């Protein structure tokens, strides 16, 4: 059994669209249509989660 990390990742589907909206445990946000792209972005933390990057920025 592994111990909890305390990191929470949240992905919401925007109804009526193919868009996923993700929020990383650091508070940065990202939108994508591909669930694999979304998870890769989240799990790459902190790469792509720069402080000077506007929140909600889609790549």
PDB file of N, CA and C in Angstrom:
ATOM      1  N   UNK A   1       0.842  -1.176   0.000  1.00  0.00           N
ATOM      2  CA  UNK A   1       0.000   0.000   0.000  1.00  0.00           C
ATOM      3  C   UNK A   1       0.886   1.237   0.000  1.00  0.00           C
ATOM      4  N   UNK A   2       0.531   2.218  -0.826  1.00  0.00           N
ATOM      5  CA  UNK A   2       1.304   3.451  -0.887  1.00  0.00           C
ATOM      6  C   UNK A   2       0.658   4.519  -0.026  1.00  0.00           C
ATOM      7  N   UNK A   3       1.458   5.457   0.424  1.00  0.00           N
ATOM      8  CA  UNK A   3       0.911   6.549   1.232  1.00  0.00           C
ATOM      9  C   UNK A   3       0.396   7.661   0.323  1.00  0.00           C
ATOM     10  N   UNK A   4      -0.624   8.390   0.752  1.00  0.00           N
ATOM     11  CA  UNK A   4      -1.179   9.460  -0.074  1.00  0.00           C
ATOM     12  C   UNK A   4      -0.177  10.603  -0.248  1.00  0.00           C
ATOM     13  N   UNK A   5      -0.202  11.228  -1.411  1.00  0.00           N
ATOM     14  CA  UNK A   5       0.728  12.320  -1.700  1.00  0.00           C
ATOM     15  C   UNK A   5       0.148  13.675  -1.339  1.00  0.00           C
ATOM     16  N   UNK A   6      -1.168  13.772  -1.214  1.00  0.00           N
ATOM     17  CA  UNK A   6      -1.801  15.054  -0.941  1.00  0.00           C
ATOM     18  C   UNK A   6      -2.019  15.878  -2.195  1.00  0.00           C
ATOM     19  N   UNK A   7      -1.654  15.340  -3.348  1.00  0.00           N
ATOM     20  CA  UNK A   7      -1.838  16.051  -4.611  1.00  0.00           C
ATOM     21  C   UNK A   7      -3.193  15.704  -5.189  1.00  0.00           C
ATOM     22  N   UNK A   8      -3.940  16.741  -5.564  1.00  0.00           N
ATOM     23  CA  UNK A   8      -5.266  16.537  -6.142  1.00  0.00           C
ATOM     24  C   UNK A   8      -5.280  17.095  -7.555  1.00  0.00           C
ATOM     25  N   UNK A   9      -5.653  16.244  -8.486  1.00  0.00           N
ATOM     26  CA  UNK A   9      -5.804  16.627  -9.883  1.00  0.00           C
ATOM     27  C   UNK A   9      -7.292  16.590 -10.197  1.00  0.00           C
ATOM     28  N   UNK A  10      -7.780  17.590 -10.917  1.00  0.00           N
ATOM     29  CA  UNK A  10      -9.205  17.627 -11.236  1.00  0.00           C
ATOM     30  C   UNK A  10      -9.371  17.845 -12.736  1.00  0.00           C
ATOM     31  N   UNK A  11     -10.200  17.001 -13.346  1.00  0.00           N
ATOM     32  CA  UNK A  11     -10.533  17.164 -14.754  1.00  0.00           C
ATOM     33  C   UNK A  11     -12.049  17.183 -14.873  1.00  0.00           C
ATOM     34  N   UNK A  12     -12.555  18.248 -15.470  1.00  0.00           N
ATOM     35  CA  UNK A  12     -13.992  18.396 -15.701  1.00  0.00           C
ATOM     36  C   UNK A  12     -14.251  18.376 -17.196  1.00  0.00           C
ATOM     37  N   UNK A  13     -15.325  17.748 -17.564  1.00  0.00           N
ATOM     38  CA  UNK A  13     -15.784  17.762 -18.955  1.00  0.00           C
ATOM     39  C   UNK A  13     -16.744  18.921 -19.087  1.00  0.00           C
ATOM     40  N   UNK A  14     -16.585  19.733 -20.126  1.00  0.00           N
ATOM     41  CA  UNK A  14     -17.486  20.851 -20.362  1.00  0.00           C
ATOM     42  C   UNK A  14     -18.658  20.342 -21.202  1.00  0.00           C
ATOM     43  N   UNK A  15     -19.832  20.169 -20.589  1.00  0.00           N
ATOM     44  CA  UNK A  15     -20.994  19.592 -21.279  1.00  0.00           C
ATOM     45  C   UNK A  15     -21.304  20.299 -22.594  1.00  0.00           C
ATOM     46  N   UNK A  16     -21.671  19.506 -23.568  1.00  0.00           N
ATOM     47  CA  UNK A  16     -22.015  20.033 -24.888  1.00  0.00           C
ATOM     48  C   UNK A  16     -20.798  20.272 -25.775  1.00  0.00           C
ATOM     49  N   UNK A  17     -19.616  19.926 -25.274  1.00  0.00           N
ATOM     50  CA  UNK A  17     -18.377  20.104 -26.041  1.00  0.00           C
ATOM     51  C   UNK A  17     -17.537  18.839 -25.922  1.00  0.00           C
ATOM     52  N   UNK A  18     -16.420  18.837 -26.624  1.00  0.00           N
ATOM     53  CA  UNK A  18     -15.426  17.767 -26.488  1.00  0.00           C
ATOM     54  C   UNK A  18     -14.245  18.262 -25.657  1.00  0.00           C
ATOM     55  N   UNK A  19     -14.452  19.327 -24.886  1.00  0.00           N
ATOM     56  CA  UNK A  19     -13.371  19.991 -24.167  1.00  0.00           C
ATOM     57  C   UNK A  19     -13.294  19.509 -22.723  1.00  0.00           C
ATOM     58  N   UNK A  20     -12.058  19.224 -22.297  1.00  0.00           N
ATOM     59  CA  UNK A  20     -11.775  18.883 -20.907  1.00  0.00           C
ATOM     60  C   UNK A  20     -11.063  20.066 -20.272  1.00  0.00           C
ATOM     61  N   UNK A  21     -11.419  20.389 -19.044  1.00  0.00           N
ATOM     62  CA  UNK A  21     -10.775  21.474 -18.305  1.00  0.00           C
ATOM     63  C   UNK A  21     -10.107  20.864 -17.086  1.00  0.00           C
ATOM     64  N   UNK A  22      -8.797  20.989 -17.003  1.00  0.00           N
ATOM     65  CA  UNK A  22      -8.048  20.386 -15.910  1.00  0.00           C
ATOM     66  C   UNK A  22      -7.450  21.416 -14.987  1.00  0.00           C
ATOM     67  N   UNK A  23      -7.394  21.072 -13.709  1.00  0.00           N
ATOM     68  CA  UNK A  23      -6.740  21.901 -12.709  1.00  0.00           C
ATOM     69  C   UNK A  23      -5.723  21.048 -11.977  1.00  0.00           C
ATOM     70  N   UNK A  24      -4.473  21.461 -12.028  1.00  0.00           N
ATOM     71  CA  UNK A  24      -3.388  20.749 -11.364  1.00  0.00           C
ATOM     72  C   UNK A  24      -3.404  21.062  -9.873  1.00  0.00           C
ATOM     73  N   UNK A  25      -2.721  20.243  -9.091  1.00  0.00           N
ATOM     74  CA  UNK A  25      -2.632  20.476  -7.652  1.00  0.00           C
ATOM     75  C   UNK A  25      -1.955  21.803  -7.336  1.00  0.00           C
ATOM     76  N   UNK A  26      -1.191  22.378  -8.295  1.00  0.00           N
ATOM     77  CA  UNK A  26      -0.520  23.660  -8.078  1.00  0.00           C
ATOM     78  C   UNK A  26      -1.437  24.836  -8.404  1.00  0.00           C
ATOM     79  N   UNK A  27      -2.622  24.554  -8.955  1.00  0.00           N
ATOM     80  CA  UNK A  27      -3.578  25.611  -9.262  1.00  0.00           C
ATOM     81  C   UNK A  27      -3.603  26.034 -10.716  1.00  0.00           C
ATOM     82  N   UNK A  28      -2.628  25.596 -11.506  1.00  0.00           N
ATOM     83  CA  UNK A  28      -2.620  25.939 -12.934  1.00  0.00           C
ATOM     84  C   UNK A  28      -3.736  25.186 -13.640  1.00  0.00           C
ATOM     85  N   UNK A  29      -4.263  25.819 -14.691  1.00  0.00           N
ATOM     86  CA  UNK A  29      -5.375  25.236 -15.445  1.00  0.00           C
ATOM     87  C   UNK A  29      -4.970  25.035 -16.895  1.00  0.00           C
ATOM     88  N   UNK A  30      -5.653  24.098 -17.540  1.00  0.00           N
ATOM     89  CA  UNK A  30      -5.338  23.735 -18.924  1.00  0.00           C
ATOM     90  C   UNK A  30      -6.602  23.163 -19.551  1.00  0.00           C
ATOM     91  N   UNK A  31      -6.796  23.413 -20.839  1.00  0.00           N
ATOM     92  CA  UNK A  31      -7.915  22.804 -21.554  1.00  0.00           C
ATOM     93  C   UNK A  31      -7.372  21.990 -22.710  1.00  0.00           C
ATOM     94  N   UNK A  32      -8.061  20.897 -23.019  1.00  0.00           N
ATOM     95  CA  UNK A  32      -7.660  20.018 -24.117  1.00  0.00           C
ATOM     96  C   UNK A  32      -8.849  19.156 -24.520  1.00  0.00           C
ATOM     97  N   UNK A  33      -8.831  18.668 -25.743  1.00  0.00           N
ATOM     98  CA  UNK A  33      -9.861  17.746 -26.195  1.00  0.00           C
ATOM     99  C   UNK A  33      -9.436  16.298 -26.002  1.00  0.00           C
ATOM    100  N   UNK A  34      -8.150  16.068 -25.906  1.00  0.00           N
ATOM    101  CA  UNK A  34      -7.611  14.713 -25.794  1.00  0.00           C
ATOM    102  C   UNK A  34      -7.304  14.383 -24.330  1.00  0.00           C
ATOM    103  N   UNK A  35      -7.944  13.357 -23.756  1.00  0.00           N
ATOM    104  CA  UNK A  35      -7.688  13.019 -22.360  1.00  0.00           C
ATOM    105  C   UNK A  35      -6.236  12.609 -22.088  1.00  0.00           C
ATOM    106  N   UNK A  36      -5.580  11.988 -23.066  1.00  0.00           N
ATOM    107  CA  UNK A  36      -4.177  11.611 -22.886  1.00  0.00           C
ATOM    108  C   UNK A  36      -3.317  12.869 -22.771  1.00  0.00           C
ATOM    109  N   UNK A  37      -3.562  13.845 -23.632  1.00  0.00           N
ATOM    110  CA  UNK A  37      -2.830  15.118 -23.569  1.00  0.00           C
ATOM    111  C   UNK A  37      -3.026  15.785 -22.210  1.00  0.00           C
ATOM    112  N   UNK A  38      -4.257  15.739 -21.697  1.00  0.00           N
ATOM    113  CA  UNK A  38      -4.553  16.354 -20.399  1.00  0.00           C
ATOM    114  C   UNK A  38      -3.753  15.688 -19.289  1.00  0.00           C
ATOM    115  N   UNK A  39      -3.756  14.347 -19.240  1.00  0.00           N
ATOM    116  CA  UNK A  39      -3.020  13.645 -18.188  1.00  0.00           C
ATOM    117  C   UNK A  39      -1.519  13.849 -18.322  1.00  0.00           C
ATOM    118  N   UNK A  40      -1.012  13.869 -19.553  1.00  0.00           N
ATOM    119  CA  UNK A  40       0.418  14.115 -19.752  1.00  0.00           C
ATOM    120  C   UNK A  40       0.798  15.493 -19.226  1.00  0.00           C
ATOM    121  N   UNK A  41      -0.054  16.501 -19.467  1.00  0.00           N
ATOM    122  CA  UNK A  41       0.213  17.849 -18.967  1.00  0.00           C
ATOM    123  C   UNK A  41       0.230  17.853 -17.443  1.00  0.00           C
ATOM    124  N   UNK A  42      -0.758  17.212 -16.836  1.00  0.00           N
ATOM    125  CA  UNK A  42      -0.835  17.203 -15.375  1.00  0.00           C
ATOM    126  C   UNK A  42       0.344  16.476 -14.749  1.00  0.00           C
ATOM    127  N   UNK A  43       0.673  15.313 -15.279  1.00  0.00           N
ATOM    128  CA  UNK A  43       1.728  14.502 -14.683  1.00  0.00           C
ATOM    129  C   UNK A  43       3.131  15.033 -14.989  1.00  0.00           C
ATOM    130  N   UNK A  44       3.246  15.990 -15.910  1.00  0.00           N
ATOM    131  CA  UNK A  44       4.537  16.598 -16.232  1.00  0.00           C
ATOM    132  C   UNK A  44       4.892  17.715 -15.243  1.00  0.00           C
ATOM    133  N   UNK A  45       4.046  17.981 -14.278  1.00  0.00           N
ATOM    134  CA  UNK A  45       4.272  19.058 -13.309  1.00  0.00           C
ATOM    135  C   UNK A  45       5.698  18.998 -12.788  1.00  0.00           C
ATOM    136  N   UNK A  46       6.451  20.088 -12.740  1.00  0.00           N
ATOM    137  CA  UNK A  46       6.060  21.468 -12.987  1.00  0.00           C
ATOM    138  C   UNK A  46       6.260  21.937 -14.428  1.00  0.00           C
ATOM    139  N   UNK A  47       6.724  21.058 -15.322  1.00  0.00           N
ATOM    140  CA  UNK A  47       6.915  21.460 -16.715  1.00  0.00           C
ATOM    141  C   UNK A  47       5.571  21.859 -17.317  1.00  0.00           C
ATOM    142  N   UNK A  48       5.511  23.048 -17.908  1.00  0.00           N
ATOM    143  CA  UNK A  48       4.273  23.544 -18.490  1.00  0.00           C
ATOM    144  C   UNK A  48       3.370  24.233 -17.487  1.00  0.00           C
ATOM    145  N   UNK A  49       3.831  24.395 -16.254  1.00  0.00           N
ATOM    146  CA  UNK A  49       3.031  25.011 -15.195  1.00  0.00           C
ATOM    147  C   UNK A  49       3.742  26.263 -14.678  1.00  0.00           C
ATOM    148  N   UNK A  50       4.299  27.044 -15.564  1.00  0.00           N
ATOM    149  CA  UNK A  50       5.107  28.194 -15.191  1.00  0.00           C
ATOM    150  C   UNK A  50       4.275  29.291 -14.543  1.00  0.00           C
ATOM    151  N   UNK A  51       4.866  29.969 -13.593  1.00  0.00           N
ATOM    152  CA  UNK A  51       4.187  31.046 -12.864  1.00  0.00           C
ATOM    153  C   UNK A  51       3.795  32.175 -13.805  1.00  0.00           C
ATOM    154  N   UNK A  52       4.631  32.481 -14.813  1.00  0.00           N
ATOM    155  CA  UNK A  52       4.326  33.573 -15.730  1.00  0.00           C
ATOM    156  C   UNK A  52       3.333  33.169 -16.815  1.00  0.00           C
ATOM    157  N   UNK A  53       2.939  31.893 -16.852  1.00  0.00           N
ATOM    158  CA  UNK A  53       1.959  31.405 -17.828  1.00  0.00           C
ATOM    159  C   UNK A  53       0.571  31.784 -17.332  1.00  0.00           C
ATOM    160  N   UNK A  54      -0.240  32.444 -18.167  1.00  0.00           N
ATOM    161  CA  UNK A  54      -1.600  32.792 -17.719  1.00  0.00           C
ATOM    162  C   UNK A  54      -2.390  31.557 -17.354  1.00  0.00           C
ATOM    163  N   UNK A  55      -3.184  31.649 -16.319  1.00  0.00           N
ATOM    164  CA  UNK A  55      -4.028  30.529 -15.917  1.00  0.00           C
ATOM    165  C   UNK A  55      -5.083  30.290 -16.988  1.00  0.00           C
ATOM    166  N   UNK A  56      -5.396  29.018 -17.214  1.00  0.00           N
ATOM    167  CA  UNK A  56      -6.397  28.669 -18.216  1.00  0.00           C
ATOM    168  C   UNK A  56      -5.845  28.635 -19.617  1.00  0.00           C
ATOM    169  N   UNK A  57      -4.545  28.722 -19.763  1.00  0.00           N
ATOM    170  CA  UNK A  57      -3.916  28.737 -21.077  1.00  0.00           C
ATOM    171  C   UNK A  57      -3.990  27.372 -21.729  1.00  0.00           C
ATOM    172  N   UNK A  58      -4.455  27.328 -22.951  1.00  0.00           N
ATOM    173  CA  UNK A  58      -4.484  26.079 -23.726  1.00  0.00           C
ATOM    174  C   UNK A  58      -3.259  26.011 -24.593  1.00  0.00           C
ATOM    175  N   UNK A  59      -2.659  24.841 -24.689  1.00  0.00           N
ATOM    176  CA  UNK A  59      -1.496  24.672 -25.544  1.00  0.00           C
ATOM    177  C   UNK A  59      -1.901  24.044 -26.844  1.00  0.00           C
TER     178      UNK A  59
END
